[in-house]
Amino acid sequence: MMLSAGLMVCAPLALSAHCQVPCGIYGDVEKHEELSQHAETVKKASLQIAELSAKKDPQSQQQLVRWVLNKESHAQKIQDEMASYFLAQRIKKDQPTAEGYQAQLTAAHAVIVAAMKCKQSSDPEKSTELTSALAAFKATLK
């Protein structure tokens, strides 16, 4: 009992990518909305970083750090959700065509890479590319 309680405390927090039982209950619409919200946050953070980096007062510098951390966090959440929800559960190899499967994998990879590039840069254009990659991925799931 003591060991299992210790494991629960030390275990990493579960992602919100659903249960992976598999229960067959999916919320693709909600996941896409959540991913879009993360992308919007990344874009806002990039804009705030650009604005605050020109200021040198302590409050602005503190807010700059917070926006950088926030941008990193939301970009990482996109990568995590793409991997644990879509790649692990929703993109199925046994699709009607191999091209459909390939298109979904390619589009999912593009989202993950675009999120990574948002973490590597403060250029707001990278968040626009992320939003475009998310839209392209969503289109492959129809």
C-alpha atoms as a PDB file:
ATOM      1  CA  MET A   1       0.000   0.000   0.000  1.00  0.00           C
ATOM      2  CA  MET A   2       2.779   2.403   0.921  1.00  0.00           C
ATOM      3  CA  LEU A   3       4.627   1.694  -2.333  1.00  0.00           C
ATOM      4  CA  SER A   4       1.573   2.349  -4.505  1.00  0.00           C
ATOM      5  CA  ALA A   5       0.868   5.607  -2.667  1.00  0.00           C
ATOM      6  CA  GLY A   6       4.467   6.653  -3.264  1.00  0.00           C
ATOM      7  CA  LEU A   7       4.204   5.828  -6.950  1.00  0.00           C
ATOM      8  CA  MET A   8       1.064   7.904  -7.245  1.00  0.00           C
ATOM      9  CA  VAL A   9       2.831  10.886  -5.730  1.00  0.00           C
ATOM     10  CA  CYS A  10       5.977  10.458  -7.841  1.00  0.00           C
ATOM     11  CA  ALA A  11       4.271   9.501 -11.090  1.00  0.00           C
ATOM     12  CA  PRO A  12       4.044  12.216 -13.736  1.00  0.00           C
ATOM     13  CA  LEU A  13       0.697  13.862 -14.217  1.00  0.00           C
ATOM     14  CA  ALA A  14      -1.458  12.205 -16.854  1.00  0.00           C
ATOM     15  CA  LEU A  15      -2.096  14.127 -20.026  1.00  0.00           C
ATOM     16  CA  SER A  16      -5.649  15.031 -20.871  1.00  0.00           C
ATOM     17  CA  ALA A  17      -5.594  12.885 -23.991  1.00  0.00           C
ATOM     18  CA  HIS A  18      -8.322  10.646 -22.646  1.00  0.00           C
ATOM     19  CA  CYS A  19      -8.010   7.208 -21.177  1.00  0.00           C
ATOM     20  CA  GLN A  20      -6.359   4.927 -23.782  1.00  0.00           C
ATOM     21  CA  VAL A  21      -8.292   1.960 -22.299  1.00  0.00           C
ATOM     22  CA  PRO A  22      -9.668   1.935 -25.187  1.00  0.00           C
ATOM     23  CA  CYS A  23     -13.160   3.068 -24.306  1.00  0.00           C
ATOM     24  CA  GLY A  24     -14.047   4.346 -27.781  1.00  0.00           C
ATOM     25  CA  ILE A  25     -15.187   7.713 -26.455  1.00  0.00           C
ATOM     26  CA  TYR A  26     -13.469  10.514 -28.339  1.00  0.00           C
ATOM     27  CA  GLY A  27     -13.875  14.262 -28.368  1.00  0.00           C
ATOM     28  CA  ASP A  28     -12.175  15.370 -31.570  1.00  0.00           C
ATOM     29  CA  VAL A  29     -14.102  18.644 -31.755  1.00  0.00           C
ATOM     30  CA  GLU A  30     -13.070  19.547 -28.218  1.00  0.00           C
ATOM     31  CA  LYS A  31      -9.452  18.535 -28.886  1.00  0.00           C
ATOM     32  CA  HIS A  32      -9.302  20.733 -31.987  1.00  0.00           C
ATOM     33  CA  GLU A  33     -10.752  23.653 -30.018  1.00  0.00           C
ATOM     34  CA  GLU A  34      -8.223  23.067 -27.247  1.00  0.00           C
ATOM     35  CA  LEU A  35      -5.336  22.933 -29.740  1.00  0.00           C
ATOM     36  CA  SER A  36      -6.559  26.134 -31.385  1.00  0.00           C
ATOM     37  CA  GLN A  37      -6.704  27.849 -28.013  1.00  0.00           C
ATOM     38  CA  HIS A  38      -3.136  26.771 -27.269  1.00  0.00           C
ATOM     39  CA  ALA A  39      -2.031  28.136 -30.660  1.00  0.00           C
ATOM     40  CA  GLU A  40      -3.783  31.450 -29.975  1.00  0.00           C
ATOM     41  CA  THR A  41      -1.973  31.657 -26.649  1.00  0.00           C
ATOM     42  CA  VAL A  42       1.358  30.974 -28.358  1.00  0.00           C
ATOM     43  CA  LYS A  43       0.642  33.794 -30.811  1.00  0.00           C
ATOM     44  CA  LYS A  44      -0.347  36.241 -28.067  1.00  0.00           C
ATOM     45  CA  ALA A  45       2.740  35.297 -26.090  1.00  0.00           C
ATOM     46  CA  SER A  46       4.946  35.945 -29.130  1.00  0.00           C
ATOM     47  CA  LEU A  47       3.421  39.386 -29.567  1.00  0.00           C
ATOM     48  CA  GLN A  48       3.818  40.188 -25.871  1.00  0.00           C
ATOM     49  CA  ILE A  49       7.442  39.028 -25.945  1.00  0.00           C
ATOM     50  CA  ALA A  50       8.156  41.388 -28.839  1.00  0.00           C
ATOM     51  CA  GLU A  51       6.526  44.291 -27.013  1.00  0.00           C
ATOM     52  CA  LEU A  52       8.080  43.646 -23.607  1.00  0.00           C
ATOM     53  CA  SER A  53      11.588  42.934 -24.853  1.00  0.00           C
ATOM     54  CA  ALA A  54      12.021  46.622 -25.699  1.00  0.00           C
ATOM     55  CA  LYS A  55      11.332  47.620 -22.094  1.00  0.00           C
ATOM     56  CA  LYS A  56      13.975  47.429 -19.409  1.00  0.00           C
ATOM     57  CA  ASP A  57      12.067  48.053 -16.183  1.00  0.00           C
ATOM     58  CA  PRO A  58      11.897  45.112 -13.721  1.00  0.00           C
ATOM     59  CA  GLN A  59       8.131  44.616 -14.055  1.00  0.00           C
ATOM     60  CA  SER A  60       8.342  44.359 -17.848  1.00  0.00           C
ATOM     61  CA  GLN A  61      11.284  41.961 -17.612  1.00  0.00           C
ATOM     62  CA  GLN A  62       9.369  39.809 -15.144  1.00  0.00           C
ATOM     63  CA  GLN A  63       6.341  39.747 -17.454  1.00  0.00           C
ATOM     64  CA  LEU A  64       8.630  38.938 -20.383  1.00  0.00           C
ATOM     65  CA  VAL A  65       9.885  35.836 -18.588  1.00  0.00           C
ATOM     66  CA  ARG A  66       6.335  34.791 -17.757  1.00  0.00           C
ATOM     67  CA  TRP A  67       5.239  35.141 -21.395  1.00  0.00           C
ATOM     68  CA  VAL A  68       8.218  33.102 -22.588  1.00  0.00           C
ATOM     69  CA  LEU A  69       7.375  30.333 -20.120  1.00  0.00           C
ATOM     70  CA  ASN A  70       3.715  30.490 -21.107  1.00  0.00           C
ATOM     71  CA  LYS A  71       4.550  30.231 -24.822  1.00  0.00           C
ATOM     72  CA  GLU A  72       6.783  27.230 -24.170  1.00  0.00           C
ATOM     73  CA  SER A  73       4.118  25.536 -22.063  1.00  0.00           C
ATOM     74  CA  HIS A  74       1.316  25.916 -24.597  1.00  0.00           C
ATOM     75  CA  ALA A  75       3.485  24.817 -27.518  1.00  0.00           C
ATOM     76  CA  GLN A  76       4.463  21.737 -25.503  1.00  0.00           C
ATOM     77  CA  LYS A  77       0.805  21.008 -24.744  1.00  0.00           C
ATOM     78  CA  ILE A  78       0.117  20.981 -28.481  1.00  0.00           C
ATOM     79  CA  GLN A  79       2.931  18.506 -29.033  1.00  0.00           C
ATOM     80  CA  ASP A  80       1.751  16.307 -26.165  1.00  0.00           C
ATOM     81  CA  GLU A  81      -1.880  16.251 -27.303  1.00  0.00           C
ATOM     82  CA  MET A  82      -0.921  15.493 -30.893  1.00  0.00           C
ATOM     83  CA  ALA A  83       1.184  12.533 -29.744  1.00  0.00           C
ATOM     84  CA  SER A  84      -0.958  11.058 -26.994  1.00  0.00           C
ATOM     85  CA  TYR A  85      -4.402  11.664 -28.464  1.00  0.00           C
ATOM     86  CA  PHE A  86      -4.171  11.831 -32.232  1.00  0.00           C
ATOM     87  CA  LEU A  87      -1.093   9.743 -33.030  1.00  0.00           C
ATOM     88  CA  ALA A  88      -1.709   7.135 -30.357  1.00  0.00           C
ATOM     89  CA  GLN A  89      -5.486   6.837 -30.653  1.00  0.00           C
ATOM     90  CA  ARG A  90      -7.141   8.552 -33.594  1.00  0.00           C
ATOM     91  CA  ILE A  91      -4.884   8.056 -36.605  1.00  0.00           C
ATOM     92  CA  LYS A  92      -5.508   4.466 -37.618  1.00  0.00           C
ATOM     93  CA  LYS A  93      -3.345   2.478 -39.998  1.00  0.00           C
ATOM     94  CA  ASP A  94      -6.334   0.480 -41.271  1.00  0.00           C
ATOM     95  CA  GLN A  95      -7.899   3.357 -43.210  1.00  0.00           C
ATOM     96  CA  PRO A  96      -9.623   2.914 -46.558  1.00  0.00           C
ATOM     97  CA  THR A  97      -6.484   4.154 -48.335  1.00  0.00           C
ATOM     98  CA  ALA A  98      -2.786   4.231 -47.514  1.00  0.00           C
ATOM     99  CA  GLU A  99      -2.736   7.799 -48.814  1.00  0.00           C
ATOM    100  CA  GLY A 100      -5.235   8.890 -46.152  1.00  0.00           C
ATOM    101  CA  TYR A 101      -3.098   7.391 -43.415  1.00  0.00           C
ATOM    102  CA  GLN A 102       0.036   8.979 -44.859  1.00  0.00           C
ATOM    103  CA  ALA A 103      -1.688  12.368 -45.158  1.00  0.00           C
ATOM    104  CA  GLN A 104      -2.766  12.270 -41.513  1.00  0.00           C
ATOM    105  CA  LEU A 105       0.698  11.260 -40.304  1.00  0.00           C
ATOM    106  CA  THR A 106       2.371  13.939 -42.401  1.00  0.00           C
ATOM    107  CA  ALA A 107      -0.047  16.622 -41.205  1.00  0.00           C
ATOM    108  CA  ALA A 108       0.310  15.554 -37.547  1.00  0.00           C
ATOM    109  CA  HIS A 109       4.079  15.688 -37.886  1.00  0.00           C
ATOM    110  CA  ALA A 110       3.825  19.179 -39.389  1.00  0.00           C
ATOM    111  CA  VAL A 111       1.851  20.358 -36.332  1.00  0.00           C
ATOM    112  CA  ILE A 112       4.401  18.914 -33.922  1.00  0.00           C
ATOM    113  CA  VAL A 113       7.281  20.519 -35.844  1.00  0.00           C
ATOM    114  CA  ALA A 114       5.447  23.871 -36.067  1.00  0.00           C
ATOM    115  CA  ALA A 115       4.917  23.815 -32.285  1.00  0.00           C
ATOM    116  CA  MET A 116       8.610  23.062 -31.815  1.00  0.00           C
ATOM    117  CA  LYS A 117       9.528  26.017 -34.033  1.00  0.00           C
ATOM    118  CA  CYS A 118       7.296  28.239 -31.898  1.00  0.00           C
ATOM    119  CA  LYS A 119       9.310  27.200 -28.876  1.00  0.00           C
ATOM    120  CA  GLN A 120      12.545  27.991 -30.714  1.00  0.00           C
ATOM    121  CA  SER A 121      11.482  31.442 -31.887  1.00  0.00           C
ATOM    122  CA  SER A 122       9.601  34.492 -30.710  1.00  0.00           C
ATOM    123  CA  ASP A 123       8.599  35.403 -34.274  1.00  0.00           C
ATOM    124  CA  PRO A 124       4.765  35.676 -34.383  1.00  0.00           C
ATOM    125  CA  GLU A 125       4.882  34.279 -37.943  1.00  0.00           C
ATOM    126  CA  LYS A 126       5.779  30.880 -36.462  1.00  0.00           C
ATOM    127  CA  SER A 127       2.478  30.846 -34.570  1.00  0.00           C
ATOM    128  CA  THR A 128       0.655  31.662 -37.821  1.00  0.00           C
ATOM    129  CA  GLU A 129       2.373  28.647 -39.378  1.00  0.00           C
ATOM    130  CA  LEU A 130       1.261  26.571 -36.385  1.00  0.00           C
ATOM    131  CA  THR A 131      -2.348  27.660 -36.842  1.00  0.00           C
ATOM    132  CA  SER A 132      -2.148  26.764 -40.549  1.00  0.00           C
ATOM    133  CA  ALA A 133      -0.652  23.362 -39.742  1.00  0.00           C
ATOM    134  CA  LEU A 134      -3.478  22.693 -37.266  1.00  0.00           C
ATOM    135  CA  ALA A 135      -6.089  23.593 -39.903  1.00  0.00           C
ATOM    136  CA  ALA A 136      -4.406  21.336 -42.467  1.00  0.00           C
ATOM    137  CA  PHE A 137      -4.310  18.484 -39.969  1.00  0.00           C
ATOM    138  CA  LYS A 138      -7.967  18.929 -39.068  1.00  0.00           C
ATOM    139  CA  ALA A 139      -8.868  18.751 -42.765  1.00  0.00           C
ATOM    140  CA  THR A 140      -7.245  15.307 -43.052  1.00  0.00           C
ATOM    141  CA  LEU A 141      -9.544  13.847 -40.402  1.00  0.00           C
ATOM    142  CA  LYS A 142     -12.787  14.346 -42.299  1.00  0.00           C
END
